[in-house]
Protein backbone atom coordinates (compact mmCIF):
# COMPACT_ATOMS: atom_id res chain seq x y z
CA MET A 1 144.34 194.21 145.52
CA VAL A 2 148.03 193.83 144.82
CA LYS A 3 150.30 193.93 147.84
CA TRP A 4 153.68 195.33 146.92
CA TYR A 5 156.81 194.05 148.67
CA TRP A 6 160.18 195.33 147.55
CA LYS A 7 163.69 195.03 148.90
CA LYS A 8 165.90 197.59 147.23
CA SER A 9 168.94 196.04 145.65
CA ASN A 10 170.72 196.49 142.37
CA LYS A 11 170.79 192.67 142.04
CA ASN A 12 167.02 192.26 141.86
CA THR A 13 165.08 192.00 138.65
CA VAL A 14 161.34 191.89 139.07
CA ILE A 15 158.97 190.75 136.34
CA LEU A 16 155.25 191.08 136.95
CA VAL A 17 153.34 188.45 134.98
CA GLY A 18 149.62 188.36 134.37
CA ASN A 19 148.82 184.79 133.36
CA LYS A 20 145.82 183.35 131.54
CA CYS A 21 145.38 186.47 129.43
CA ASP A 22 143.19 184.34 127.13
CA LEU A 23 140.43 184.49 129.77
CA GLU A 24 139.48 188.09 129.06
CA ASN A 25 136.01 187.71 130.62
CA LYS A 26 137.58 186.75 133.98
CA ARG A 27 140.14 189.54 134.00
CA LYS A 28 140.56 191.37 137.34
CA ILE A 29 143.23 193.87 136.27
CA SER A 30 143.36 195.56 132.88
CA PHE A 31 146.49 195.40 130.77
CA GLU A 32 146.75 199.17 131.11
CA ASN A 33 146.63 199.07 134.93
CA GLY A 34 149.16 196.24 135.12
CA ASN A 35 151.46 198.05 132.74
CA LEU A 36 151.11 201.37 134.61
CA PHE A 37 151.84 199.63 137.93
CA ALA A 38 154.96 198.01 136.46
CA LYS A 39 156.19 201.28 134.95
CA ASP A 40 155.60 203.07 138.26
CA LYS A 41 157.72 200.45 140.07
CA GLY A 42 160.37 200.28 137.34
CA ILE A 43 159.77 196.61 136.63
CA PHE A 44 158.93 194.51 133.57
CA TYR A 45 155.35 193.49 132.76
CA PHE A 46 154.14 190.59 130.64
CA GLU A 47 150.75 189.05 130.06
CA THR A 48 150.88 185.40 129.10
CA SER A 49 148.70 182.50 128.06
CA ALA A 50 150.19 179.02 127.96
CA LYS A 51 146.98 177.74 126.37
CA ASN A 52 147.29 180.11 123.39
CA ASP A 53 151.10 180.36 123.48
CA VAL A 54 151.07 184.12 124.09
CA ASN A 55 154.35 185.66 125.32
CA VAL A 56 155.51 182.50 127.14
CA SER A 57 158.71 182.18 125.11
CA LEU A 58 159.25 185.92 125.24
CA LEU A 59 158.96 185.87 129.04
CA PHE A 60 161.52 183.07 129.41
CA GLU A 61 163.85 184.87 127.00
CA LYS A 62 163.59 188.00 129.16
CA VAL A 63 164.31 186.01 132.31
CA ALA A 64 167.38 184.43 130.67
CA GLU A 65 168.52 187.83 129.40
CA GLU A 66 168.26 189.36 132.87
CA ILE A 67 170.06 186.42 134.52
CA SER A 68 172.86 186.72 131.98
CA LYS A 69 173.41 190.34 133.05
CA ILE A 70 174.40 189.28 136.56
CA LYS A 71 178.14 189.54 137.01
CA ASP A 72 179.80 186.26 137.92
CA THR A 73 181.78 188.02 140.63
CA GLU A 74 178.62 189.03 142.49
CA PHE A 75 177.79 185.38 143.19
CA ASN A 76 181.21 183.74 142.92
CA GLY A 77 180.27 182.37 139.51
CA LYS A 78 177.07 180.70 140.77
CA ILE A 79 173.46 181.78 140.47
CA TYR A 80 171.04 180.57 143.14
CA ILE A 81 167.51 180.99 141.88
CA ASN A 82 165.98 180.43 145.32
CA ASN A 83 168.82 182.08 147.29
CA ASN A 84 169.49 178.76 149.00
CA GLU A 85 172.70 176.83 148.36
CA GLU A 86 171.19 173.60 149.68
CA ASN A 87 169.26 171.30 147.40
CA ASN A 88 165.58 172.06 147.30
CA ASP A 89 163.55 168.85 147.46
CA SER A 90 160.30 170.62 146.58
CA GLY A 91 161.34 170.94 142.94
CA CYS A 92 160.60 174.66 142.96
CA GLY A 93 163.36 177.16 142.37
CA CYS A 94 161.14 180.08 143.28
CA LEU A 95 161.47 180.12 147.05
């Protein structure tokens, strides 16, 4: 079951990613259901497989495209991926 959390803001871009799409026999959610969910929420949907190089580059291109749409003035010319100006020692920019 997918739990949906959303904070309304015109600055948010949400991309739902189903990974390991090469493991069709272990699939829990169909492409159609994932896509319908994304369309219902007004977000982007990708299915990827790093193993088979499916949509990985396309996903990163979409992320870069969406980041480039952010106006510099909204963040004083800086983009904080994890919304934290301090250095993140964990190495993850997804917090």
